Amino acid sequence: MAGFEDRKKAQESKFAHDQELVFKATARRNKLLGLWAAAKMGLSDAEAADYAASVVKADFEEAGDDDVFRKVKADLDAKGAGLSDHQIRREMDELMQTAIEQVKAG
Protein backbone atom coordinates (compact mmCIF):
# COMPACT_ATOMS: atom_id res chain seq x y z
CA MET A 1 0.00 0.00 0.00
CA ALA A 2 2.92 2.33 0.68
CA GLY A 3 4.02 1.94 -2.94
CA PHE A 4 0.62 3.14 -4.14
CA GLU A 5 0.74 6.18 -1.85
CA ASP A 6 4.27 6.99 -3.04
CA ARG A 7 3.15 6.84 -6.66
CA LYS A 8 0.12 8.96 -5.88
CA LYS A 9 2.28 11.63 -4.21
CA ALA A 10 4.76 11.52 -7.08
CA GLN A 11 1.94 12.03 -9.62
CA GLU A 12 0.51 14.91 -7.59
CA SER A 13 3.94 16.49 -7.37
CA LYS A 14 4.50 16.10 -11.12
CA PHE A 15 1.08 17.61 -11.85
CA ALA A 16 1.81 20.60 -9.61
CA HIS A 17 5.20 21.06 -11.25
CA ASP A 18 3.69 20.86 -14.74
CA GLN A 19 0.99 23.39 -13.84
CA GLU A 20 3.61 25.77 -12.47
CA LEU A 21 5.62 25.40 -15.69
CA VAL A 22 2.55 26.20 -17.80
CA PHE A 23 1.73 29.25 -15.66
CA LYS A 24 5.27 30.62 -15.84
CA ALA A 25 5.59 29.88 -19.56
CA THR A 26 2.27 31.56 -20.31
CA ALA A 27 3.26 34.67 -18.40
CA ARG A 28 6.64 34.69 -20.19
CA ARG A 29 4.93 34.18 -23.57
CA ASN A 30 2.58 37.08 -22.87
CA LYS A 31 5.50 39.34 -22.01
CA LEU A 32 7.33 38.32 -25.19
CA LEU A 33 4.13 38.83 -27.19
CA GLY A 34 3.73 42.29 -25.69
CA LEU A 35 7.29 43.20 -26.65
CA TRP A 36 6.75 41.83 -30.16
CA ALA A 37 3.51 43.79 -30.58
CA ALA A 38 5.12 46.92 -29.14
CA ALA A 39 7.84 46.69 -31.79
CA LYS A 40 5.18 46.35 -34.50
CA MET A 41 3.47 49.46 -33.11
CA GLY A 42 6.73 51.44 -32.98
CA LEU A 43 6.71 51.99 -29.21
CA SER A 44 9.80 53.18 -27.36
CA ASP A 45 11.66 50.83 -25.01
CA ALA A 46 9.94 52.28 -21.93
CA GLU A 47 6.54 52.16 -23.61
CA ALA A 48 7.23 48.60 -24.77
CA ALA A 49 7.99 47.45 -21.22
CA ASP A 50 4.77 49.02 -19.95
CA TYR A 51 2.80 47.54 -22.82
CA ALA A 52 4.25 44.06 -22.23
CA ALA A 53 3.19 44.30 -18.57
CA SER A 54 -0.33 45.25 -19.67
CA VAL A 55 -0.47 42.18 -21.92
CA VAL A 56 0.54 39.95 -19.01
CA LYS A 57 -2.21 41.53 -16.87
CA ALA A 58 -4.78 41.05 -19.64
CA ASP A 59 -4.41 37.29 -19.29
CA PHE A 60 -6.14 37.41 -15.90
CA GLU A 61 -9.44 38.61 -17.38
CA GLU A 62 -10.65 35.12 -18.36
CA ALA A 63 -9.41 31.57 -18.81
CA GLY A 64 -7.54 30.79 -22.02
CA ASP A 65 -5.67 32.94 -24.49
CA ASP A 66 -8.57 34.81 -26.08
CA ASP A 67 -8.34 37.77 -23.70
CA VAL A 68 -4.68 38.28 -24.59
CA PHE A 69 -5.34 37.82 -28.29
CA ARG A 70 -8.20 40.34 -28.28
CA LYS A 71 -6.09 42.96 -26.48
CA VAL A 72 -3.10 42.60 -28.78
CA LYS A 73 -5.28 42.45 -31.91
CA ALA A 74 -7.24 45.57 -30.92
CA ASP A 75 -4.07 47.49 -30.06
CA LEU A 76 -2.32 46.48 -33.28
CA ASP A 77 -5.42 47.41 -35.30
CA ALA A 78 -5.64 50.78 -33.54
CA LYS A 79 -2.04 51.51 -34.57
CA GLY A 80 -2.67 50.34 -38.13
CA ALA A 81 -0.15 47.49 -37.96
CA GLY A 82 -2.16 45.46 -40.48
CA LEU A 83 -1.53 42.00 -39.00
CA SER A 84 -4.02 39.19 -39.52
CA ASP A 85 -5.51 37.02 -36.79
CA HIS A 86 -3.47 34.13 -38.17
CA GLN A 87 -0.20 36.06 -37.92
CA ILE A 88 -0.86 37.01 -34.31
CA ARG A 89 -1.93 33.50 -33.29
CA ARG A 90 1.09 32.00 -35.06
CA GLU A 91 3.36 34.38 -33.16
CA MET A 92 1.62 33.43 -29.92
CA ASP A 93 2.27 29.74 -30.65
CA GLU A 94 5.92 30.31 -31.56
CA LEU A 95 6.51 32.49 -28.51
CA MET A 96 4.93 29.84 -26.27
CA GLN A 97 7.55 27.36 -27.44
CA THR A 98 10.28 29.92 -26.79
CA ALA A 99 8.84 30.68 -23.35
CA ILE A 100 8.68 26.98 -22.40
CA GLU A 101 12.33 26.54 -23.38
CA GLN A 102 13.33 29.64 -21.40
CA VAL A 103 11.43 28.55 -18.29
CA LYS A 104 12.86 25.04 -18.44
CA ALA A 105 16.36 26.49 -18.85
CA GLY A 106 15.85 28.62 -15.75
PDB file of N, CA and C in Angstrom:
ATOM      1  N   MET A   1       0.811  -1.194   0.000  1.00  0.00           N
ATOM      2  CA  MET A   1       0.000   0.000   0.000  1.00  0.00           C
ATOM      3  C   MET A   1       0.861   1.267   0.000  1.00  0.00           C
ATOM      4  N   ALA A   2       2.033   1.175   0.646  1.00  0.00           N
ATOM      5  CA  ALA A   2       2.919   2.332   0.684  1.00  0.00           C
ATOM      6  C   ALA A   2       3.394   2.697  -0.719  1.00  0.00           C
ATOM      7  N   GLY A   3       3.600   1.685  -1.569  1.00  0.00           N
ATOM      8  CA  GLY A   3       4.016   1.941  -2.945  1.00  0.00           C
ATOM      9  C   GLY A   3       2.975   2.734  -3.709  1.00  0.00           C
ATOM     10  N   PHE A   4       1.709   2.417  -3.488  1.00  0.00           N
ATOM     11  CA  PHE A   4       0.621   3.139  -4.140  1.00  0.00           C
ATOM     12  C   PHE A   4       0.595   4.592  -3.682  1.00  0.00           C
ATOM     13  N   GLU A   5       0.731   4.823  -2.395  1.00  0.00           N
ATOM     14  CA  GLU A   5       0.738   6.185  -1.847  1.00  0.00           C
ATOM     15  C   GLU A   5       1.933   6.977  -2.381  1.00  0.00           C
ATOM     16  N   ASP A   6       3.077   6.323  -2.493  1.00  0.00           N
ATOM     17  CA  ASP A   6       4.266   6.987  -3.038  1.00  0.00           C
ATOM     18  C   ASP A   6       4.044   7.402  -4.475  1.00  0.00           C
ATOM     19  N   ARG A   7       3.442   6.501  -5.259  1.00  0.00           N
ATOM     20  CA  ARG A   7       3.150   6.837  -6.664  1.00  0.00           C
ATOM     21  C   ARG A   7       2.139   7.973  -6.751  1.00  0.00           C
ATOM     22  N   LYS A   8       1.135   7.913  -5.882  1.00  0.00           N
ATOM     23  CA  LYS A   8       0.115   8.964  -5.875  1.00  0.00           C
ATOM     24  C   LYS A   8       0.755  10.319  -5.571  1.00  0.00           C
ATOM     25  N   LYS A   9       1.608  10.372  -4.572  1.00  0.00           N
ATOM     26  CA  LYS A   9       2.276  11.627  -4.212  1.00  0.00           C
ATOM     27  C   LYS A   9       3.208  12.097  -5.327  1.00  0.00           C
ATOM     28  N   ALA A  10       3.872  11.160  -5.967  1.00  0.00           N
ATOM     29  CA  ALA A  10       4.760  11.519  -7.079  1.00  0.00           C
ATOM     30  C   ALA A  10       3.953  12.111  -8.239  1.00  0.00           C
ATOM     31  N   GLN A  11       2.800  11.515  -8.541  1.00  0.00           N
ATOM     32  CA  GLN A  11       1.942  12.029  -9.616  1.00  0.00           C
ATOM     33  C   GLN A  11       1.405  13.419  -9.266  1.00  0.00           C
ATOM     34  N   GLU A  12       1.000  13.599  -8.019  1.00  0.00           N
ATOM     35  CA  GLU A  12       0.511  14.909  -7.585  1.00  0.00           C
ATOM     36  C   GLU A  12       1.612  15.961  -7.676  1.00  0.00           C
ATOM     37  N   SER A  13       2.804  15.581  -7.299  1.00  0.00           N
ATOM     38  CA  SER A  13       3.943  16.491  -7.366  1.00  0.00           C
ATOM     39  C   SER A  13       4.259  16.852  -8.817  1.00  0.00           C
ATOM     40  N   LYS A  14       4.234  15.846  -9.702  1.00  0.00           N
ATOM     41  CA  LYS A  14       4.496  16.097 -11.116  1.00  0.00           C
ATOM     42  C   LYS A  14       3.423  17.009 -11.703  1.00  0.00           C
ATOM     43  N   PHE A  15       2.168  16.768 -11.358  1.00  0.00           N
ATOM     44  CA  PHE A  15       1.078  17.607 -11.854  1.00  0.00           C
ATOM     45  C   PHE A  15       1.274  19.054 -11.409  1.00  0.00           C
ATOM     46  N   ALA A  16       1.584  19.246 -10.129  1.00  0.00           N
ATOM     47  CA  ALA A  16       1.806  20.599  -9.609  1.00  0.00           C
ATOM     48  C   ALA A  16       2.978  21.274 -10.322  1.00  0.00           C
ATOM     49  N   HIS A  17       4.035  20.520 -10.550  1.00  0.00           N
ATOM     50  CA  HIS A  17       5.204  21.064 -11.253  1.00  0.00           C
ATOM     51  C   HIS A  17       4.834  21.447 -12.683  1.00  0.00           C
ATOM     52  N   ASP A  18       4.098  20.582 -13.364  1.00  0.00           N
ATOM     53  CA  ASP A  18       3.688  20.865 -14.743  1.00  0.00           C
ATOM     54  C   ASP A  18       2.790  22.093 -14.811  1.00  0.00           C
ATOM     55  N   GLN A  19       1.876  22.233 -13.861  1.00  0.00           N
ATOM     56  CA  GLN A  19       0.986  23.393 -13.837  1.00  0.00           C
ATOM     57  C   GLN A  19       1.776  24.677 -13.594  1.00  0.00           C
ATOM     58  N   GLU A  20       2.768  24.609 -12.731  1.00  0.00           N
ATOM     59  CA  GLU A  20       3.611  25.769 -12.467  1.00  0.00           C
ATOM     60  C   GLU A  20       4.397  26.154 -13.723  1.00  0.00           C
ATOM     61  N   LEU A  21       4.899  25.157 -14.437  1.00  0.00           N
ATOM     62  CA  LEU A  21       5.619  25.400 -15.688  1.00  0.00           C
ATOM     63  C   LEU A  21       4.714  26.092 -16.703  1.00  0.00           C
ATOM     64  N   VAL A  22       3.492  25.604 -16.843  1.00  0.00           N
ATOM     65  CA  VAL A  22       2.546  26.200 -17.799  1.00  0.00           C
ATOM     66  C   VAL A  22       2.248  27.647 -17.404  1.00  0.00           C
ATOM     67  N   PHE A  23       2.028  27.893 -16.123  1.00  0.00           N
ATOM     68  CA  PHE A  23       1.735  29.248 -15.659  1.00  0.00           C
ATOM     69  C   PHE A  23       2.893  30.193 -15.959  1.00  0.00           C
ATOM     70  N   LYS A  24       4.095  29.782 -15.604  1.00  0.00           N
ATOM     71  CA  LYS A  24       5.272  30.619 -15.840  1.00  0.00           C
ATOM     72  C   LYS A  24       5.517  30.833 -17.327  1.00  0.00           C
ATOM     73  N   ALA A  25       5.362  29.772 -18.117  1.00  0.00           N
ATOM     74  CA  ALA A  25       5.590  29.883 -19.559  1.00  0.00           C
ATOM     75  C   ALA A  25       4.549  30.786 -20.208  1.00  0.00           C
ATOM     76  N   THR A  26       3.313  30.700 -19.750  1.00  0.00           N
ATOM     77  CA  THR A  26       2.267  31.557 -20.315  1.00  0.00           C
ATOM     78  C   THR A  26       2.537  33.020 -19.997  1.00  0.00           C
ATOM     79  N   ALA A  27       2.932  33.292 -18.770  1.00  0.00           N
ATOM     80  CA  ALA A  27       3.261  34.672 -18.404  1.00  0.00           C
ATOM     81  C   ALA A  27       4.457  35.175 -19.218  1.00  0.00           C
ATOM     82  N   ARG A  28       5.460  34.325 -19.396  1.00  0.00           N
ATOM     83  CA  ARG A  28       6.639  34.692 -20.194  1.00  0.00           C
ATOM     84  C   ARG A  28       6.227  34.925 -21.649  1.00  0.00           C
ATOM     85  N   ARG A  29       5.404  34.026 -22.186  1.00  0.00           N
ATOM     86  CA  ARG A  29       4.935  34.183 -23.567  1.00  0.00           C
ATOM     87  C   ARG A  29       4.191  35.506 -23.726  1.00  0.00           C
ATOM     88  N   ASN A  30       3.346  35.843 -22.776  1.00  0.00           N
ATOM     89  CA  ASN A  30       2.580  37.082 -22.875  1.00  0.00           C
ATOM     90  C   ASN A  30       3.491  38.306 -22.846  1.00  0.00           C
ATOM     91  N   LYS A  31       4.529  38.239 -22.038  1.00  0.00           N
ATOM     92  CA  LYS A  31       5.501  39.345 -22.005  1.00  0.00           C
ATOM     93  C   LYS A  31       6.211  39.455 -23.358  1.00  0.00           C
ATOM     94  N   LEU A  32       6.659  38.318 -23.885  1.00  0.00           N
ATOM     95  CA  LEU A  32       7.332  38.320 -25.187  1.00  0.00           C
ATOM     96  C   LEU A  32       6.390  38.805 -26.290  1.00  0.00           C
ATOM     97  N   LEU A  33       5.128  38.387 -26.209  1.00  0.00           N
ATOM     98  CA  LEU A  33       4.130  38.828 -27.191  1.00  0.00           C
ATOM     99  C   LEU A  33       3.929  40.334 -27.096  1.00  0.00           C
ATOM    100  N   GLY A  34       3.882  40.845 -25.874  1.00  0.00           N
ATOM    101  CA  GLY A  34       3.734  42.285 -25.687  1.00  0.00           C
ATOM    102  C   GLY A  34       4.903  43.057 -26.272  1.00  0.00           C
ATOM    103  N   LEU A  35       6.111  42.535 -26.080  1.00  0.00           N
ATOM    104  CA  LEU A  35       7.289  43.199 -26.652  1.00  0.00           C
ATOM    105  C   LEU A  35       7.276  43.120 -28.174  1.00  0.00           C
ATOM    106  N   TRP A  36       6.852  41.985 -28.706  1.00  0.00           N
ATOM    107  CA  TRP A  36       6.745  41.826 -30.164  1.00  0.00           C
ATOM    108  C   TRP A  36       5.730  42.816 -30.735  1.00  0.00           C
ATOM    109  N   ALA A  37       4.551  42.884 -30.108  1.00  0.00           N
ATOM    110  CA  ALA A  37       3.506  43.793 -30.581  1.00  0.00           C
ATOM    111  C   ALA A  37       3.947  45.246 -30.439  1.00  0.00           C
ATOM    112  N   ALA A  38       4.628  45.548 -29.351  1.00  0.00           N
ATOM    113  CA  ALA A  38       5.117  46.920 -29.143  1.00  0.00           C
ATOM    114  C   ALA A  38       6.069  47.329 -30.263  1.00  0.00           C
ATOM    115  N   ALA A  39       6.926  46.399 -30.679  1.00  0.00           N
ATOM    116  CA  ALA A  39       7.844  46.694 -31.785  1.00  0.00           C
ATOM    117  C   ALA A  39       7.061  46.941 -33.074  1.00  0.00           C
ATOM    118  N   LYS A  40       6.011  46.160 -33.299  1.00  0.00           N
ATOM    119  CA  LYS A  40       5.182  46.351 -34.502  1.00  0.00           C
ATOM    120  C   LYS A  40       4.460  47.691 -34.479  1.00  0.00           C
ATOM    121  N   MET A  41       4.176  48.187 -33.255  1.00  0.00           N
ATOM    122  CA  MET A  41       3.473  49.464 -33.111  1.00  0.00           C
ATOM    123  C   MET A  41       4.434  50.646 -33.037  1.00  0.00           C
ATOM    124  N   GLY A  42       5.745  50.369 -33.013  1.00  0.00           N
ATOM    125  CA  GLY A  42       6.733  51.437 -32.983  1.00  0.00           C
ATOM    126  C   GLY A  42       6.861  52.121 -31.624  1.00  0.00           C
ATOM    127  N   LEU A  43       6.607  51.400 -30.549  1.00  0.00           N
ATOM    128  CA  LEU A  43       6.713  51.987 -29.211  1.00  0.00           C
ATOM    129  C   LEU A  43       8.175  52.076 -28.774  1.00  0.00           C
ATOM    130  N   SER A  44       8.459  53.042 -27.918  1.00  0.00           N
ATOM    131  CA  SER A  44       9.804  53.184 -27.359  1.00  0.00           C
ATOM    132  C   SER A  44      10.068  52.039 -26.390  1.00  0.00           C
ATOM    133  N   ASP A  45      11.311  51.899 -25.938  1.00  0.00           N
ATOM    134  CA  ASP A  45      11.660  50.826 -25.005  1.00  0.00           C
ATOM    135  C   ASP A  45      10.839  50.905 -23.720  1.00  0.00           C
ATOM    136  N   ALA A  46      10.708  52.109 -23.166  1.00  0.00           N
ATOM    137  CA  ALA A  46       9.944  52.277 -21.927  1.00  0.00           C
ATOM    138  C   ALA A  46       8.468  51.959 -22.162  1.00  0.00           C
ATOM    139  N   GLU A  47       7.931  52.449 -23.270  1.00  0.00           N
ATOM    140  CA  GLU A  47       6.536  52.162 -23.606  1.00  0.00           C
ATOM    141  C   GLU A  47       6.331  50.672 -23.856  1.00  0.00           C
ATOM    142  N   ALA A  48       7.312  50.036 -24.482  1.00  0.00           N
ATOM    143  CA  ALA A  48       7.228  48.601 -24.774  1.00  0.00           C
ATOM    144  C   ALA A  48       7.182  47.788 -23.486  1.00  0.00           C
ATOM    145  N   ALA A  49       7.990  48.163 -22.509  1.00  0.00           N
ATOM    146  CA  ALA A  49       7.991  47.454 -21.225  1.00  0.00           C
ATOM    147  C   ALA A  49       6.642  47.596 -20.531  1.00  0.00           C
ATOM    148  N   ASP A  50       6.087  48.795 -20.555  1.00  0.00           N
ATOM    149  CA  ASP A  50       4.768  49.023 -19.954  1.00  0.00           C
ATOM    150  C   ASP A  50       3.691  48.246 -20.707  1.00  0.00           C
ATOM    151  N   TYR A  51       3.793  48.256 -22.018  1.00  0.00           N
ATOM    152  CA  TYR A  51       2.798  47.543 -22.822  1.00  0.00           C
ATOM    153  C   TYR A  51       2.882  46.040 -22.563  1.00  0.00           C
ATOM    154  N   ALA A  52       4.087  45.496 -22.489  1.00  0.00           N
ATOM    155  CA  ALA A  52       4.249  44.062 -22.227  1.00  0.00           C
ATOM    156  C   ALA A  52       3.624  43.698 -20.881  1.00  0.00           C
ATOM    157  N   ALA A  53       3.806  44.548 -19.882  1.00  0.00           N
ATOM    158  CA  ALA A  53       3.187  44.298 -18.572  1.00  0.00           C
ATOM    159  C   ALA A  53       1.665  44.314 -18.674  1.00  0.00           C
ATOM    160  N   SER A  54       1.127  45.186 -19.516  1.00  0.00           N
ATOM    161  CA  SER A  54      -0.329  45.248 -19.666  1.00  0.00           C
ATOM    162  C   SER A  54      -0.863  43.997 -20.375  1.00  0.00           C
ATOM    163  N   VAL A  55      -0.071  43.416 -21.255  1.00  0.00           N
ATOM    164  CA  VAL A  55      -0.475  42.181 -21.921  1.00  0.00           C
ATOM    165  C   VAL A  55      -0.487  41.032 -20.918  1.00  0.00           C
ATOM    166  N   VAL A  56       0.510  40.984 -20.052  1.00  0.00           N
ATOM    167  CA  VAL A  56       0.543  39.945 -19.005  1.00  0.00           C
ATOM    168  C   VAL A  56      -0.690  40.082 -18.121  1.00  0.00           C
ATOM    169  N   LYS A  57      -1.035  41.303 -17.727  1.00  0.00           N
ATOM    170  CA  LYS A  57      -2.208  41.532 -16.870  1.00  0.00           C
ATOM    171  C   LYS A  57      -3.500  41.167 -17.575  1.00  0.00           C
ATOM    172  N   ALA A  58      -3.556  41.357 -18.885  1.00  0.00           N
ATOM    173  CA  ALA A  58      -4.779  41.048 -19.640  1.00  0.00           C
ATOM    174  C   ALA A  58      -5.139  39.578 -19.573  1.00  0.00           C
ATOM    175  N   ASP A  59      -4.151  38.724 -19.332  1.00  0.00           N
ATOM    176  CA  ASP A  59      -4.406  37.287 -19.287  1.00  0.00           C
ATOM    177  C   ASP A  59      -5.245  36.880 -18.090  1.00  0.00           C
ATOM    178  N   PHE A  60      -5.377  37.741 -17.101  1.00  0.00           N
ATOM    179  CA  PHE A  60      -6.135  37.405 -15.900  1.00  0.00           C
ATOM    180  C   PHE A  60      -7.617  37.738 -16.031  1.00  0.00           C
ATOM    181  N   GLU A  61      -8.042  38.248 -17.191  1.00  0.00           N
ATOM    182  CA  GLU A  61      -9.439  38.607 -17.382  1.00  0.00           C
ATOM    183  C   GLU A  61     -10.334  37.382 -17.502  1.00  0.00           C
ATOM    184  N   GLU A  62      -9.870  36.339 -18.180  1.00  0.00           N
ATOM    185  CA  GLU A  62     -10.653  35.121 -18.355  1.00  0.00           C
ATOM    186  C   GLU A  62      -9.705  33.963 -18.648  1.00  0.00           C
ATOM    187  N   ALA A  63     -10.225  32.752 -18.535  1.00  0.00           N
ATOM    188  CA  ALA A  63      -9.411  31.571 -18.808  1.00  0.00           C
ATOM    189  C   ALA A  63      -9.089  31.495 -20.301  1.00  0.00           C
ATOM    190  N   GLY A  64      -7.927  30.950 -20.617  1.00  0.00           N
ATOM    191  CA  GLY A  64      -7.536  30.790 -22.016  1.00  0.00           C
ATOM    192  C   GLY A  64      -6.772  31.984 -22.546  1.00  0.00           C
ATOM    193  N   ASP A  65      -6.496  31.927 -23.834  1.00  0.00           N
ATOM    194  CA  ASP A  65      -5.671  32.939 -24.489  1.00  0.00           C
ATOM    195  C   ASP A  65      -6.466  34.013 -25.221  1.00  0.00           C
ATOM    196  N   ASP A  66      -7.781  33.877 -25.278  1.00  0.00           N
ATOM    197  CA  ASP A  66      -8.569  34.807 -26.079  1.00  0.00           C
ATOM    198  C   ASP A  66      -8.507  36.240 -25.565  1.00  0.00           C
ATOM    199  N   ASP A  67      -8.415  36.417 -24.248  1.00  0.00           N
ATOM    200  CA  ASP A  67      -8.335  37.772 -23.704  1.00  0.00           C
ATOM    201  C   ASP A  67      -7.048  38.462 -24.144  1.00  0.00           C
ATOM    202  N   VAL A  68      -5.960  37.723 -24.147  1.00  0.00           N
ATOM    203  CA  VAL A  68      -4.677  38.278 -24.590  1.00  0.00           C
ATOM    204  C   VAL A  68      -4.726  38.573 -26.089  1.00  0.00           C
ATOM    205  N   PHE A  69      -5.241  37.625 -26.849  1.00  0.00           N
ATOM    206  CA  PHE A  69      -5.338  37.820 -28.290  1.00  0.00           C
ATOM    207  C   PHE A  69      -6.166  39.064 -28.615  1.00  0.00           C
ATOM    208  N   ARG A  70      -7.330  39.191 -27.981  1.00  0.00           N
ATOM    209  CA  ARG A  70      -8.198  40.336 -28.277  1.00  0.00           C
ATOM    210  C   ARG A  70      -7.504  41.656 -27.966  1.00  0.00           C
ATOM    211  N   LYS A  71      -6.795  41.718 -26.841  1.00  0.00           N
ATOM    212  CA  LYS A  71      -6.093  42.955 -26.482  1.00  0.00           C
ATOM    213  C   LYS A  71      -5.040  43.307 -27.521  1.00  0.00           C
ATOM    214  N   VAL A  72      -4.185  42.335 -27.835  1.00  0.00           N
ATOM    215  CA  VAL A  72      -3.101  42.595 -28.778  1.00  0.00           C
ATOM    216  C   VAL A  72      -3.660  42.938 -30.154  1.00  0.00           C
ATOM    217  N   LYS A  73      -4.666  42.198 -30.598  1.00  0.00           N
ATOM    218  CA  LYS A  73      -5.278  42.446 -31.911  1.00  0.00           C
ATOM    219  C   LYS A  73      -5.863  43.856 -31.970  1.00  0.00           C
ATOM    220  N   ALA A  74      -6.618  44.241 -30.940  1.00  0.00           N
ATOM    221  CA  ALA A  74      -7.236  45.573 -30.919  1.00  0.00           C
ATOM    222  C   ALA A  74      -6.170  46.672 -30.912  1.00  0.00           C
ATOM    223  N   ASP A  75      -5.119  46.477 -30.131  1.00  0.00           N
ATOM    224  CA  ASP A  75      -4.067  47.485 -30.057  1.00  0.00           C
ATOM    225  C   ASP A  75      -3.302  47.604 -31.379  1.00  0.00           C
ATOM    226  N   LEU A  76      -3.013  46.455 -31.986  1.00  0.00           N
ATOM    227  CA  LEU A  76      -2.324  46.480 -33.281  1.00  0.00           C
ATOM    228  C   LEU A  76      -3.201  47.124 -34.350  1.00  0.00           C
ATOM    229  N   ASP A  77      -4.489  46.802 -34.338  1.00  0.00           N
ATOM    230  CA  ASP A  77      -5.417  47.407 -35.300  1.00  0.00           C
ATOM    231  C   ASP A  77      -5.508  48.912 -35.097  1.00  0.00           C
ATOM    232  N   ALA A  78      -5.541  49.344 -33.834  1.00  0.00           N
ATOM    233  CA  ALA A  78      -5.637  50.780 -33.538  1.00  0.00           C
ATOM    234  C   ALA A  78      -4.414  51.537 -34.050  1.00  0.00           C
ATOM    235  N   LYS A  79      -3.270  50.880 -34.075  1.00  0.00           N
ATOM    236  CA  LYS A  79      -2.036  51.507 -34.569  1.00  0.00           C
ATOM    237  C   LYS A  79      -1.837  51.290 -36.068  1.00  0.00           C
ATOM    238  N   GLY A  80      -2.766  50.571 -36.696  1.00  0.00           N
ATOM    239  CA  GLY A  80      -2.668  50.344 -38.134  1.00  0.00           C
ATOM    240  C   GLY A  80      -1.557  49.396 -38.533  1.00  0.00           C
ATOM    241  N   ALA A  81      -1.247  48.426 -37.683  1.00  0.00           N
ATOM    242  CA  ALA A  81      -0.149  47.490 -37.961  1.00  0.00           C
ATOM    243  C   ALA A  81      -0.483  46.516 -39.093  1.00  0.00           C
ATOM    244  N   GLY A  82      -1.756  46.281 -39.343  1.00  0.00           N
ATOM    245  CA  GLY A  82      -2.160  45.459 -40.477  1.00  0.00           C
ATOM    246  C   GLY A  82      -1.781  43.986 -40.372  1.00  0.00           C
ATOM    247  N   LEU A  83      -1.849  43.415 -39.172  1.00  0.00           N
ATOM    248  CA  LEU A  83      -1.532  41.998 -38.999  1.00  0.00           C
ATOM    249  C   LEU A  83      -2.821  41.192 -38.894  1.00  0.00           C
ATOM    250  N   SER A  84      -2.823  40.043 -39.541  1.00  0.00           N
ATOM    251  CA  SER A  84      -4.019  39.188 -39.521  1.00  0.00           C
ATOM    252  C   SER A  84      -4.113  38.417 -38.211  1.00  0.00           C
ATOM    253  N   ASP A  85      -5.302  37.883 -37.958  1.00  0.00           N
ATOM    254  CA  ASP A  85      -5.506  37.025 -36.790  1.00  0.00           C
ATOM    255  C   ASP A  85      -4.528  35.862 -36.832  1.00  0.00           C
ATOM    256  N   HIS A  86      -4.368  35.282 -38.007  1.00  0.00           N
ATOM    257  CA  HIS A  86      -3.470  34.127 -38.169  1.00  0.00           C
ATOM    258  C   HIS A  86      -2.029  34.494 -37.798  1.00  0.00           C
ATOM    259  N   GLN A  87      -1.571  35.640 -38.235  1.00  0.00           N
ATOM    260  CA  GLN A  87      -0.196  36.057 -37.924  1.00  0.00           C
ATOM    261  C   GLN A  87       0.001  36.223 -36.419  1.00  0.00           C
ATOM    262  N   ILE A  88      -0.969  36.804 -35.754  1.00  0.00           N
ATOM    263  CA  ILE A  88      -0.860  37.014 -34.311  1.00  0.00           C
ATOM    264  C   ILE A  88      -0.898  35.675 -33.575  1.00  0.00           C
ATOM    265  N   ARG A  89      -1.825  34.814 -33.946  1.00  0.00           N
ATOM    266  CA  ARG A  89      -1.927  33.500 -33.286  1.00  0.00           C
ATOM    267  C   ARG A  89      -0.676  32.655 -33.548  1.00  0.00           C
ATOM    268  N   ARG A  90      -0.134  32.740 -34.761  1.00  0.00           N
ATOM    269  CA  ARG A  90       1.092  32.004 -35.064  1.00  0.00           C
ATOM    270  C   ARG A  90       2.237  32.505 -34.191  1.00  0.00           C
ATOM    271  N   GLU A  91       2.317  33.812 -34.023  1.00  0.00           N
ATOM    272  CA  GLU A  91       3.359  34.384 -33.164  1.00  0.00           C
ATOM    273  C   GLU A  91       3.152  33.941 -31.717  1.00  0.00           C
ATOM    274  N   MET A  92       1.912  33.903 -31.275  1.00  0.00           N
ATOM    275  CA  MET A  92       1.620  33.433 -29.917  1.00  0.00           C
ATOM    276  C   MET A  92       2.109  31.990 -29.734  1.00  0.00           C
ATOM    277  N   ASP A  93       1.843  31.141 -30.727  1.00  0.00           N
ATOM    278  CA  ASP A  93       2.273  29.741 -30.650  1.00  0.00           C
ATOM    279  C   ASP A  93       3.796  29.626 -30.620  1.00  0.00           C
ATOM    280  N   GLU A  94       4.454  30.365 -31.500  1.00  0.00           N
ATOM    281  CA  GLU A  94       5.916  30.312 -31.557  1.00  0.00           C
ATOM    282  C   GLU A  94       6.542  30.846 -30.268  1.00  0.00           C
ATOM    283  N   LEU A  95       5.978  31.920 -29.744  1.00  0.00           N
ATOM    284  CA  LEU A  95       6.511  32.490 -28.513  1.00  0.00           C
ATOM    285  C   LEU A  95       6.246  31.584 -27.313  1.00  0.00           C
ATOM    286  N   MET A  96       5.174  30.790 -27.364  1.00  0.00           N
ATOM    287  CA  MET A  96       4.927  29.842 -26.272  1.00  0.00           C
ATOM    288  C   MET A  96       6.028  28.800 -26.240  1.00  0.00           C
ATOM    289  N   GLN A  97       6.448  28.322 -27.397  1.00  0.00           N
ATOM    290  CA  GLN A  97       7.547  27.357 -27.437  1.00  0.00           C
ATOM    291  C   GLN A  97       8.834  27.981 -26.902  1.00  0.00           C
ATOM    292  N   THR A  98       9.098  29.211 -27.291  1.00  0.00           N
ATOM    293  CA  THR A  98      10.276  29.921 -26.793  1.00  0.00           C
ATOM    294  C   THR A  98      10.189  30.084 -25.277  1.00  0.00           C
ATOM    295  N   ALA A  99       9.020  30.461 -24.784  1.00  0.00           N
ATOM    296  CA  ALA A  99       8.838  30.676 -23.348  1.00  0.00           C
ATOM    297  C   ALA A  99       9.032  29.382 -22.567  1.00  0.00           C
ATOM    298  N   ILE A 100       8.510  28.274 -23.074  1.00  0.00           N
ATOM    299  CA  ILE A 100       8.682  26.983 -22.400  1.00  0.00           C
ATOM    300  C   ILE A 100      10.160  26.643 -22.302  1.00  0.00           C
ATOM    301  N   GLU A 101      10.872  26.820 -23.385  1.00  0.00           N
ATOM    302  CA  GLU A 101      12.325  26.542 -23.382  1.00  0.00           C
ATOM    303  C   GLU A 101      13.038  27.439 -22.383  1.00  0.00           C
ATOM    304  N   GLN A 102      12.682  28.716 -22.328  1.00  0.00           N
ATOM    305  CA  GLN A 102      13.326  29.641 -21.402  1.00  0.00           C
ATOM    306  C   GLN A 102      13.033  29.274 -19.950  1.00  0.00           C
ATOM    307  N   VAL A 103      11.784  28.915 -19.666  1.00  0.00           N
ATOM    308  CA  VAL A 103      11.425  28.553 -18.285  1.00  0.00           C
ATOM    309  C   VAL A 103      12.122  27.274 -17.870  1.00  0.00           C
ATOM    310  N   LYS A 104      12.175  26.300 -18.760  1.00  0.00           N
ATOM    311  CA  LYS A 104      12.863  25.044 -18.441  1.00  0.00           C
ATOM    312  C   LYS A 104      14.357  25.266 -18.219  1.00  0.00           C
ATOM    313  N   ALA A 105      14.930  26.202 -18.974  1.00  0.00           N
ATOM    314  CA  ALA A 105      16.358  26.492 -18.851  1.00  0.00           C
ATOM    315  C   ALA A 105      16.673  27.278 -17.566  1.00  0.00           C
ATOM    316  N   GLY A 106      15.630  27.855 -16.999  1.00  0.00           N
ATOM    317  CA  GLY A 106      15.845  28.623 -15.749  1.00  0.00           C
ATOM    318  C   GLY A 106      16.046  30.031 -16.069  1.00  0.00           C
TER     319      GLY A 106
END
